[in-house]
Protein backbone atom coordinates (compact mmCIF):
# COMPACT_ATOMS: atom_id res chain seq x y z
CA MET A 1 -39.17 73.29 20.71
CA LYS A 2 -37.09 71.19 18.80
CA MET A 3 -37.40 67.36 19.33
CA TYR A 4 -34.07 65.32 20.28
CA SER A 5 -33.69 61.43 20.34
CA VAL A 6 -31.52 60.15 23.50
CA ARG A 7 -29.15 57.95 23.42
CA TYR A 8 -26.84 56.41 26.65
CA VAL A 9 -23.59 55.51 25.98
CA HIS A 10 -22.51 53.00 28.53
CA LYS A 11 -19.06 53.19 30.24
CA ILE A 12 -18.28 49.76 30.00
CA SER A 13 -21.06 48.09 27.49
CA PRO A 14 -22.76 50.22 25.05
CA SER A 15 -25.78 49.02 23.70
CA ALA A 16 -27.89 50.54 20.91
CA SER A 17 -31.22 49.73 22.60
CA ASP A 18 -30.02 52.06 25.34
CA THR A 19 -32.72 54.85 24.48
CA LYS A 20 -35.30 56.88 25.58
CA GLU A 21 -38.32 58.03 23.56
CA PRO A 22 -37.57 61.60 21.98
CA ILE A 23 -37.78 64.64 24.59
CA GLU A 24 -38.16 68.60 23.88
CA LEU A 25 -35.91 70.96 24.59
CA ASN A 26 -35.52 75.29 24.41
CA GLN A 27 -32.90 76.95 22.77
CA GLU A 28 -32.39 78.61 27.11
CA ASP A 29 -32.14 74.70 27.57
CA LEU A 30 -28.47 74.33 25.79
CA VAL A 31 -27.14 78.02 27.44
CA ASN A 32 -25.95 76.10 30.07
CA ARG A 33 -24.68 73.17 32.21
CA ARG A 34 -27.31 73.82 34.99
CA ALA A 35 -30.21 74.63 32.64
CA LEU A 36 -29.72 71.69 30.32
CA GLY A 37 -30.13 69.37 33.70
CA ALA A 38 -32.90 70.90 34.81
CA ALA A 39 -34.26 70.33 31.84
CA LEU A 40 -33.28 66.60 31.61
CA ARG A 41 -34.18 65.99 34.85
CA LYS A 42 -37.60 67.43 33.90
CA THR A 43 -37.95 64.86 30.98
CA LYS A 44 -36.35 62.31 33.46
CA VAL A 45 -33.62 61.47 31.16
CA LEU A 46 -31.53 62.25 34.56
CA SER A 47 -33.02 60.73 37.46
CA LYS A 48 -33.61 63.60 40.49
CA GLY A 49 -30.11 64.55 42.03
CA GLU A 50 -28.24 63.93 39.10
CA ARG A 51 -26.13 66.74 37.35
CA LEU A 52 -23.91 67.44 34.60
CA THR A 53 -20.38 67.62 35.09
CA HIS A 54 -19.96 69.63 31.19
CA PHE A 55 -22.04 69.46 27.91
CA GLN A 56 -21.03 69.94 24.40
CA VAL A 57 -22.95 70.88 21.78
CA ARG A 58 -22.00 69.79 18.17
CA SER A 59 -22.65 70.09 14.79
CA ASN A 60 -25.42 67.28 14.89
CA GLU A 61 -25.71 66.71 18.82
CA VAL A 62 -25.58 67.43 22.19
CA VAL A 63 -23.27 65.10 24.16
CA CYS A 64 -23.77 65.71 28.22
CA PHE A 65 -21.52 64.37 30.78
CA PRO A 66 -23.60 62.77 33.68
CA ALA A 67 -21.62 63.40 37.34
CA ALA A 68 -21.78 60.26 39.27
CA SER A 69 -23.43 57.79 36.95
CA VAL A 70 -23.48 54.65 35.18
CA TRP A 71 -23.39 56.48 32.00
CA GLN A 72 -20.58 58.04 30.76
CA SER A 73 -22.19 60.48 27.98
CA ILE A 74 -25.82 61.04 26.83
CA VAL A 75 -26.51 61.98 23.15
CA LEU A 76 -28.80 64.18 21.98
CA VAL A 77 -29.81 64.24 18.21
CA PRO A 78 -32.49 66.47 16.74
CA THR A 79 -35.31 64.81 14.85
CA LYS A 80 -36.84 65.70 11.64
């Protein structure tokens, strides 16, 4: 298990206050978009019925792209 801070990126007016408390994810949650979407719904980062179109694992963060949402992306950054 690893803790991740959550930051929402708004399409029109991004704000530094668009965050959520840290969440825990397993390595298995990052194997595909369905697994990650399910984990994000379970932790209430995504609402019931929301899904991801895709995601990218970068060197120090995971960038998630929701399908039909006000958020352009959701950025997950590992915490120490």
